[in-house]
Amino acid sequence: MAQNKIAFPFLETDMTKMMRGLAAPQFDMQTWMETGRKNFQAFTNAQQLAIEAWQTYAQRQTQMLSQMIQDNTAIAQALVNEGTPEAKVIKQTDVLKKNYEKTLANLKELNEILSKSGSEAADVINKRITATLNEVKSTLEKNEAKKA
């Protein structure tokens, strides 16, 4: 029975000789540690912005809810004391419209709080990514200059 041999040309090649011409870039460990520290700080700052925004959001939402309860209590008392059923329906319709408009304005305000925070956090991260890429490029350029 004949033995099937599969040819693997790379097995017969001395890979160390092939790899000699390829040099791994030399990195300044201090520079990379500093870049890592700056990256960590940027992500920490972005996270802090997000946490502060959520706190502001929660506080504002609580204020809005408290105000809504106070307004509705006053409105309910006013509606009970008014005269005819028709007058009460007219008053309720006006109150409903005002509450609806106020709710929309409140939702818009809450949305703006989170939107602004997201933009600020993204700006921090984007600036850091750009700086990191510039630092990598600068380090590699320095290595090329040393080789020349």
N, C-alpha and C. Protein backbone atom coordinates (compact mmCIF):
# COMPACT_ATOMS: atom_id res chain seq x y z
N MET A 1 0.84 -1.17 0.00
CA MET A 1 0.00 0.00 0.00
C MET A 1 0.88 1.24 0.00
N ALA A 2 0.61 2.16 -0.90
CA ALA A 2 1.42 3.37 -1.01
C ALA A 2 0.97 4.38 0.02
N GLN A 3 1.96 5.03 0.55
CA GLN A 3 1.68 6.03 1.58
C GLN A 3 1.46 7.39 0.92
N ASN A 4 0.33 8.02 1.25
CA ASN A 4 0.04 9.34 0.68
C ASN A 4 0.84 10.40 1.42
N LYS A 5 1.61 11.17 0.70
CA LYS A 5 2.38 12.26 1.29
C LYS A 5 1.80 13.57 0.79
N ILE A 6 1.55 14.46 1.73
CA ILE A 6 1.06 15.79 1.38
C ILE A 6 2.23 16.74 1.53
N ALA A 7 2.44 17.55 0.55
CA ALA A 7 3.57 18.48 0.59
C ALA A 7 3.20 19.74 1.35
N PHE A 8 4.00 20.08 2.33
CA PHE A 8 3.87 21.31 3.10
C PHE A 8 5.16 22.09 2.91
N PRO A 9 5.21 23.01 1.96
CA PRO A 9 6.46 23.69 1.65
C PRO A 9 7.04 24.47 2.82
N PHE A 10 6.19 24.97 3.72
CA PHE A 10 6.71 25.76 4.83
C PHE A 10 7.40 24.90 5.88
N LEU A 11 7.09 23.60 5.92
CA LEU A 11 7.74 22.73 6.89
C LEU A 11 9.20 22.52 6.54
N GLU A 12 9.50 22.64 5.29
CA GLU A 12 10.87 22.44 4.86
C GLU A 12 11.66 23.74 4.83
N THR A 13 11.04 24.83 5.19
CA THR A 13 11.69 26.14 5.18
C THR A 13 12.07 26.52 6.60
N ASP A 14 13.24 27.08 6.75
CA ASP A 14 13.68 27.54 8.06
C ASP A 14 13.01 28.89 8.33
N MET A 15 12.00 28.87 9.18
CA MET A 15 11.21 30.07 9.45
C MET A 15 12.03 31.14 10.15
N THR A 16 13.03 30.76 10.92
CA THR A 16 13.83 31.78 11.60
C THR A 16 14.57 32.64 10.61
N LYS A 17 15.01 32.03 9.50
CA LYS A 17 15.70 32.81 8.47
C LYS A 17 14.72 33.78 7.80
N MET A 18 13.50 33.32 7.59
CA MET A 18 12.50 34.19 6.96
C MET A 18 12.13 35.36 7.87
N MET A 19 12.10 35.12 9.16
CA MET A 19 11.65 36.14 10.10
C MET A 19 12.75 37.13 10.48
N ARG A 20 14.00 36.84 10.15
CA ARG A 20 15.11 37.71 10.51
C ARG A 20 14.94 39.12 9.96
N GLY A 21 14.44 39.23 8.78
CA GLY A 21 14.27 40.54 8.15
C GLY A 21 13.14 41.35 8.76
N LEU A 22 12.25 40.70 9.46
CA LEU A 22 11.13 41.41 10.08
C LEU A 22 11.49 41.77 11.51
N ALA A 23 11.46 43.02 11.80
CA ALA A 23 11.78 43.45 13.16
C ALA A 23 10.51 44.00 13.80
N ALA A 24 10.27 43.56 15.00
CA ALA A 24 9.13 44.07 15.75
C ALA A 24 9.44 45.49 16.19
N PRO A 25 8.48 46.37 16.11
CA PRO A 25 8.74 47.75 16.53
C PRO A 25 9.09 47.80 18.01
N GLN A 26 10.01 48.66 18.34
CA GLN A 26 10.41 48.86 19.74
C GLN A 26 9.49 49.92 20.35
N PHE A 27 8.94 49.60 21.48
CA PHE A 27 8.03 50.52 22.13
C PHE A 27 8.63 51.01 23.43
N ASP A 28 8.46 52.28 23.66
CA ASP A 28 8.89 52.87 24.92
C ASP A 28 7.80 52.56 25.95
N MET A 29 8.14 51.69 26.88
CA MET A 29 7.15 51.21 27.84
C MET A 29 6.58 52.36 28.69
N GLN A 30 7.41 53.33 29.02
CA GLN A 30 6.94 54.48 29.81
C GLN A 30 5.87 55.25 29.04
N THR A 31 6.10 55.44 27.74
CA THR A 31 5.12 56.15 26.91
C THR A 31 3.81 55.37 26.85
N TRP A 32 3.90 54.05 26.71
CA TRP A 32 2.68 53.24 26.63
C TRP A 32 1.94 53.21 27.95
N MET A 33 2.68 53.24 29.05
CA MET A 33 2.04 53.27 30.36
C MET A 33 1.30 54.60 30.55
N GLU A 34 1.94 55.68 30.10
CA GLU A 34 1.32 57.00 30.20
C GLU A 34 0.07 57.08 29.31
N THR A 35 0.15 56.52 28.13
CA THR A 35 -1.02 56.48 27.24
C THR A 35 -2.16 55.69 27.89
N GLY A 36 -1.83 54.57 28.48
CA GLY A 36 -2.84 53.77 29.18
C GLY A 36 -3.47 54.53 30.34
N ARG A 37 -2.63 55.26 31.08
CA ARG A 37 -3.14 56.05 32.20
C ARG A 37 -4.11 57.13 31.70
N LYS A 38 -3.72 57.80 30.61
CA LYS A 38 -4.58 58.85 30.04
C LYS A 38 -5.89 58.26 29.51
N ASN A 39 -5.81 57.10 28.90
CA ASN A 39 -7.03 56.43 28.40
C ASN A 39 -7.96 56.10 29.56
N PHE A 40 -7.40 55.53 30.62
CA PHE A 40 -8.19 55.18 31.79
C PHE A 40 -8.84 56.43 32.39
N GLN A 41 -8.06 57.53 32.47
CA GLN A 41 -8.58 58.77 33.01
C GLN A 41 -9.72 59.31 32.15
N ALA A 42 -9.57 59.23 30.83
CA ALA A 42 -10.63 59.71 29.93
C ALA A 42 -11.91 58.90 30.12
N PHE A 43 -11.79 57.58 30.22
CA PHE A 43 -12.98 56.75 30.42
C PHE A 43 -13.60 57.02 31.79
N THR A 44 -12.76 57.27 32.78
CA THR A 44 -13.27 57.61 34.11
C THR A 44 -14.04 58.93 34.06
N ASN A 45 -13.47 59.91 33.36
CA ASN A 45 -14.16 61.21 33.23
C ASN A 45 -15.49 61.06 32.49
N ALA A 46 -15.50 60.29 31.43
CA ALA A 46 -16.74 60.07 30.68
C ALA A 46 -17.79 59.39 31.56
N GLN A 47 -17.34 58.41 32.33
CA GLN A 47 -18.27 57.71 33.23
C GLN A 47 -18.80 58.66 34.29
N GLN A 48 -17.95 59.52 34.81
CA GLN A 48 -18.37 60.49 35.82
C GLN A 48 -19.42 61.45 35.25
N LEU A 49 -19.21 61.89 34.02
CA LEU A 49 -20.21 62.75 33.36
C LEU A 49 -21.55 62.02 33.25
N ALA A 50 -21.51 60.76 32.89
CA ALA A 50 -22.75 59.98 32.75
C ALA A 50 -23.45 59.82 34.11
N ILE A 51 -22.68 59.54 35.14
CA ILE A 51 -23.26 59.37 36.48
C ILE A 51 -23.90 60.68 36.95
N GLU A 52 -23.18 61.79 36.76
CA GLU A 52 -23.73 63.10 37.16
C GLU A 52 -25.00 63.42 36.39
N ALA A 53 -25.04 63.07 35.12
CA ALA A 53 -26.24 63.32 34.32
C ALA A 53 -27.42 62.49 34.84
N TRP A 54 -27.18 61.24 35.17
CA TRP A 54 -28.26 60.41 35.69
C TRP A 54 -28.75 60.93 37.04
N GLN A 55 -27.82 61.45 37.86
CA GLN A 55 -28.24 62.04 39.13
C GLN A 55 -29.10 63.27 38.89
N THR A 56 -28.66 64.12 37.98
CA THR A 56 -29.44 65.32 37.63
C THR A 56 -30.81 64.92 37.09
N TYR A 57 -30.81 63.91 36.23
CA TYR A 57 -32.04 63.39 35.64
C TYR A 57 -33.00 62.93 36.74
N ALA A 58 -32.50 62.13 37.66
CA ALA A 58 -33.34 61.59 38.73
C ALA A 58 -33.87 62.70 39.64
N GLN A 59 -32.99 63.65 39.97
CA GLN A 59 -33.43 64.77 40.82
C GLN A 59 -34.51 65.61 40.12
N ARG A 60 -34.28 65.89 38.86
CA ARG A 60 -35.26 66.70 38.11
C ARG A 60 -36.57 65.96 37.95
N GLN A 61 -36.48 64.67 37.69
CA GLN A 61 -37.69 63.86 37.55
C GLN A 61 -38.48 63.84 38.86
N THR A 62 -37.78 63.75 39.97
CA THR A 62 -38.43 63.77 41.28
C THR A 62 -39.11 65.12 41.52
N GLN A 63 -38.42 66.20 41.15
CA GLN A 63 -39.02 67.53 41.30
C GLN A 63 -40.28 67.65 40.44
N MET A 64 -40.20 67.15 39.23
CA MET A 64 -41.35 67.22 38.33
C MET A 64 -42.53 66.42 38.88
N LEU A 65 -42.26 65.25 39.40
CA LEU A 65 -43.32 64.41 39.96
C LEU A 65 -43.96 65.09 41.17
N SER A 66 -43.13 65.66 42.03
CA SER A 66 -43.65 66.36 43.21
C SER A 66 -44.53 67.53 42.80
N GLN A 67 -44.07 68.29 41.82
CA GLN A 67 -44.86 69.43 41.34
C GLN A 67 -46.17 68.97 40.72
N MET A 68 -46.13 67.87 39.98
CA MET A 68 -47.33 67.34 39.35
C MET A 68 -48.35 66.91 40.41
N ILE A 69 -47.88 66.29 41.48
CA ILE A 69 -48.80 65.87 42.55
C ILE A 69 -49.43 67.09 43.21
N GLN A 70 -48.63 68.11 43.47
CA GLN A 70 -49.16 69.34 44.08
C GLN A 70 -50.19 70.00 43.15
N ASP A 71 -49.86 70.09 41.87
CA ASP A 71 -50.77 70.71 40.90
C ASP A 71 -52.08 69.93 40.81
N ASN A 72 -51.98 68.62 40.73
CA ASN A 72 -53.19 67.79 40.59
C ASN A 72 -54.05 67.84 41.85
N THR A 73 -53.43 67.94 43.01
CA THR A 73 -54.20 68.06 44.25
C THR A 73 -54.98 69.37 44.26
N ALA A 74 -54.31 70.45 43.87
CA ALA A 74 -54.99 71.75 43.83
C ALA A 74 -56.10 71.76 42.79
N ILE A 75 -55.85 71.13 41.66
CA ILE A 75 -56.86 71.07 40.60
C ILE A 75 -58.07 70.25 41.05
N ALA A 76 -57.82 69.14 41.71
CA ALA A 76 -58.92 68.29 42.18
C ALA A 76 -59.80 69.04 43.17
N GLN A 77 -59.17 69.78 44.06
CA GLN A 77 -59.95 70.55 45.03
C GLN A 77 -60.77 71.63 44.34
N ALA A 78 -60.19 72.27 43.34
CA ALA A 78 -60.91 73.32 42.61
C ALA A 78 -62.09 72.73 41.84
N LEU A 79 -61.90 71.54 41.27
CA LEU A 79 -62.97 70.92 40.49
C LEU A 79 -64.12 70.45 41.36
N VAL A 80 -63.83 70.03 42.56
CA VAL A 80 -64.89 69.57 43.46
C VAL A 80 -65.76 70.74 43.88
N ASN A 81 -65.17 71.88 44.04
CA ASN A 81 -65.90 73.05 44.55
C ASN A 81 -66.69 73.79 43.48
N GLU A 82 -66.42 73.53 42.22
CA GLU A 82 -67.10 74.27 41.17
C GLU A 82 -68.53 73.76 41.00
N GLY A 83 -69.31 74.56 40.27
CA GLY A 83 -70.74 74.33 40.15
C GLY A 83 -71.18 73.22 39.21
N THR A 84 -71.69 73.57 38.05
CA THR A 84 -72.40 72.66 37.16
C THR A 84 -71.46 71.60 36.56
N PRO A 85 -72.01 70.46 36.17
CA PRO A 85 -71.21 69.42 35.55
C PRO A 85 -70.54 69.90 34.26
N GLU A 86 -71.23 70.75 33.50
CA GLU A 86 -70.66 71.27 32.26
C GLU A 86 -69.42 72.13 32.55
N ALA A 87 -69.50 72.95 33.56
CA ALA A 87 -68.38 73.82 33.94
C ALA A 87 -67.20 72.97 34.40
N LYS A 88 -67.50 71.86 35.09
CA LYS A 88 -66.43 70.96 35.54
C LYS A 88 -65.74 70.29 34.35
N VAL A 89 -66.52 69.88 33.36
CA VAL A 89 -65.93 69.24 32.17
C VAL A 89 -65.05 70.24 31.41
N ILE A 90 -65.53 71.47 31.28
CA ILE A 90 -64.73 72.50 30.61
C ILE A 90 -63.42 72.72 31.37
N LYS A 91 -63.53 72.82 32.69
CA LYS A 91 -62.34 73.04 33.52
C LYS A 91 -61.40 71.84 33.41
N GLN A 92 -61.93 70.63 33.44
CA GLN A 92 -61.10 69.42 33.33
C GLN A 92 -60.39 69.36 31.98
N THR A 93 -61.08 69.78 30.93
CA THR A 93 -60.47 69.78 29.60
C THR A 93 -59.30 70.76 29.55
N ASP A 94 -59.49 71.94 30.10
CA ASP A 94 -58.40 72.92 30.16
C ASP A 94 -57.22 72.40 30.97
N VAL A 95 -57.53 71.80 32.10
CA VAL A 95 -56.47 71.26 32.97
C VAL A 95 -55.74 70.12 32.27
N LEU A 96 -56.47 69.25 31.60
CA LEU A 96 -55.87 68.13 30.88
C LEU A 96 -54.92 68.64 29.80
N LYS A 97 -55.35 69.66 29.07
CA LYS A 97 -54.51 70.24 28.02
C LYS A 97 -53.23 70.83 28.61
N LYS A 98 -53.35 71.58 29.69
CA LYS A 98 -52.17 72.19 30.34
C LYS A 98 -51.22 71.10 30.87
N ASN A 99 -51.78 70.07 31.48
CA ASN A 99 -50.95 68.98 32.00
C ASN A 99 -50.24 68.23 30.87
N TYR A 100 -50.93 68.03 29.79
CA TYR A 100 -50.34 67.35 28.64
C TYR A 100 -49.17 68.16 28.10
N GLU A 101 -49.36 69.46 27.92
CA GLU A 101 -48.30 70.34 27.41
C GLU A 101 -47.11 70.38 28.37
N LYS A 102 -47.41 70.43 29.66
CA LYS A 102 -46.34 70.45 30.67
C LYS A 102 -45.58 69.13 30.68
N THR A 103 -46.30 68.04 30.53
CA THR A 103 -45.64 66.72 30.49
C THR A 103 -44.71 66.62 29.30
N LEU A 104 -45.15 67.10 28.14
CA LEU A 104 -44.29 67.08 26.96
C LEU A 104 -43.04 67.94 27.17
N ALA A 105 -43.22 69.10 27.77
CA ALA A 105 -42.07 69.97 28.05
C ALA A 105 -41.11 69.31 29.03
N ASN A 106 -41.66 68.64 30.04
CA ASN A 106 -40.81 67.94 31.01
C ASN A 106 -40.04 66.80 30.35
N LEU A 107 -40.71 66.04 29.50
CA LEU A 107 -40.03 64.95 28.80
C LEU A 107 -38.92 65.48 27.90
N LYS A 108 -39.18 66.59 27.25
CA LYS A 108 -38.16 67.20 26.40
C LYS A 108 -36.95 67.63 27.25
N GLU A 109 -37.22 68.24 28.39
CA GLU A 109 -36.14 68.66 29.29
C GLU A 109 -35.31 67.47 29.76
N LEU A 110 -35.98 66.39 30.16
CA LEU A 110 -35.26 65.19 30.61
C LEU A 110 -34.43 64.58 29.48
N ASN A 111 -35.00 64.58 28.29
CA ASN A 111 -34.28 64.06 27.13
C ASN A 111 -33.03 64.90 26.85
N GLU A 112 -33.14 66.21 26.97
CA GLU A 112 -32.00 67.10 26.74
C GLU A 112 -30.89 66.88 27.76
N ILE A 113 -31.26 66.58 29.00
CA ILE A 113 -30.26 66.30 30.04
C ILE A 113 -29.42 65.10 29.63
N LEU A 114 -30.09 64.02 29.23
CA LEU A 114 -29.36 62.81 28.85
C LEU A 114 -28.61 62.97 27.54
N SER A 115 -29.21 63.68 26.60
CA SER A 115 -28.56 63.89 25.31
C SER A 115 -27.28 64.70 25.47
N LYS A 116 -27.35 65.76 26.26
CA LYS A 116 -26.18 66.60 26.50
C LYS A 116 -25.08 65.79 27.17
N SER A 117 -25.45 64.98 28.13
CA SER A 117 -24.48 64.15 28.84
C SER A 117 -23.81 63.16 27.90
N GLY A 118 -24.61 62.53 27.04
CA GLY A 118 -24.06 61.57 26.09
C GLY A 118 -23.08 62.24 25.13
N SER A 119 -23.41 63.43 24.69
CA SER A 119 -22.51 64.17 23.79
C SER A 119 -21.22 64.54 24.50
N GLU A 120 -21.32 64.98 25.73
CA GLU A 120 -20.12 65.36 26.49
C GLU A 120 -19.22 64.16 26.72
N ALA A 121 -19.82 63.04 27.10
CA ALA A 121 -19.02 61.82 27.33
C ALA A 121 -18.38 61.34 26.03
N ALA A 122 -19.12 61.40 24.95
CA ALA A 122 -18.57 60.98 23.65
C ALA A 122 -17.42 61.89 23.23
N ASP A 123 -17.54 63.18 23.50
CA ASP A 123 -16.46 64.12 23.17
C ASP A 123 -15.18 63.77 23.94
N VAL A 124 -15.33 63.46 25.21
CA VAL A 124 -14.15 63.09 26.02
C VAL A 124 -13.47 61.86 25.42
N ILE A 125 -14.28 60.85 25.09
CA ILE A 125 -13.72 59.60 24.54
C ILE A 125 -13.11 59.85 23.16
N ASN A 126 -13.81 60.59 22.31
CA ASN A 126 -13.31 60.86 20.96
C ASN A 126 -11.98 61.62 20.99
N LYS A 127 -11.88 62.61 21.86
CA LYS A 127 -10.63 63.36 21.98
C LYS A 127 -9.49 62.44 22.44
N ARG A 128 -9.80 61.54 23.36
CA ARG A 128 -8.76 60.63 23.87
C ARG A 128 -8.34 59.64 22.79
N ILE A 129 -9.29 59.14 22.02
CA ILE A 129 -8.94 58.20 20.93
C ILE A 129 -8.04 58.90 19.93
N THR A 130 -8.38 60.12 19.56
CA THR A 130 -7.54 60.88 18.62
C THR A 130 -6.14 61.09 19.19
N ALA A 131 -6.07 61.45 20.46
CA ALA A 131 -4.77 61.65 21.10
C ALA A 131 -3.97 60.35 21.15
N THR A 132 -4.63 59.24 21.44
CA THR A 132 -3.95 57.94 21.49
C THR A 132 -3.38 57.59 20.12
N LEU A 133 -4.17 57.78 19.08
CA LEU A 133 -3.68 57.48 17.73
C LEU A 133 -2.49 58.37 17.38
N ASN A 134 -2.54 59.63 17.77
CA ASN A 134 -1.40 60.53 17.53
C ASN A 134 -0.17 60.08 18.31
N GLU A 135 -0.37 59.60 19.54
CA GLU A 135 0.75 59.12 20.34
C GLU A 135 1.37 57.87 19.73
N VAL A 136 0.53 56.97 19.24
CA VAL A 136 1.04 55.75 18.58
C VAL A 136 1.84 56.14 17.34
N LYS A 137 1.28 57.03 16.55
CA LYS A 137 1.96 57.47 15.33
C LYS A 137 3.30 58.10 15.66
N SER A 138 3.32 58.96 16.66
CA SER A 138 4.54 59.64 17.06
C SER A 138 5.60 58.65 17.53
N THR A 139 5.20 57.67 18.30
CA THR A 139 6.13 56.64 18.78
C THR A 139 6.71 55.86 17.61
N LEU A 140 5.86 55.47 16.69
CA LEU A 140 6.33 54.70 15.54
C LEU A 140 7.25 55.55 14.65
N GLU A 141 6.93 56.83 14.51
CA GLU A 141 7.80 57.72 13.73
C GLU A 141 9.18 57.87 14.38
N LYS A 142 9.20 57.95 15.72
CA LYS A 142 10.47 58.03 16.44
C LYS A 142 11.30 56.76 16.20
N ASN A 143 10.61 55.62 16.21
CA ASN A 143 11.32 54.34 15.95
C ASN A 143 11.89 54.32 14.55
N GLU A 144 11.13 54.83 13.59
CA GLU A 144 11.62 54.87 12.20
C GLU A 144 12.81 55.79 12.09
N ALA A 145 12.78 56.91 12.79
CA ALA A 145 13.88 57.87 12.75
C ALA A 145 15.15 57.26 13.35
N LYS A 146 15.00 56.45 14.40
CA LYS A 146 16.15 55.79 15.03
C LYS A 146 16.78 54.77 14.07
N LYS A 147 15.94 54.11 13.27
CA LYS A 147 16.44 53.11 12.33
C LYS A 147 17.23 53.77 11.20
N ALA A 148 16.82 54.96 10.82
CA ALA A 148 17.44 55.63 9.66
C ALA A 148 18.79 56.21 9.96
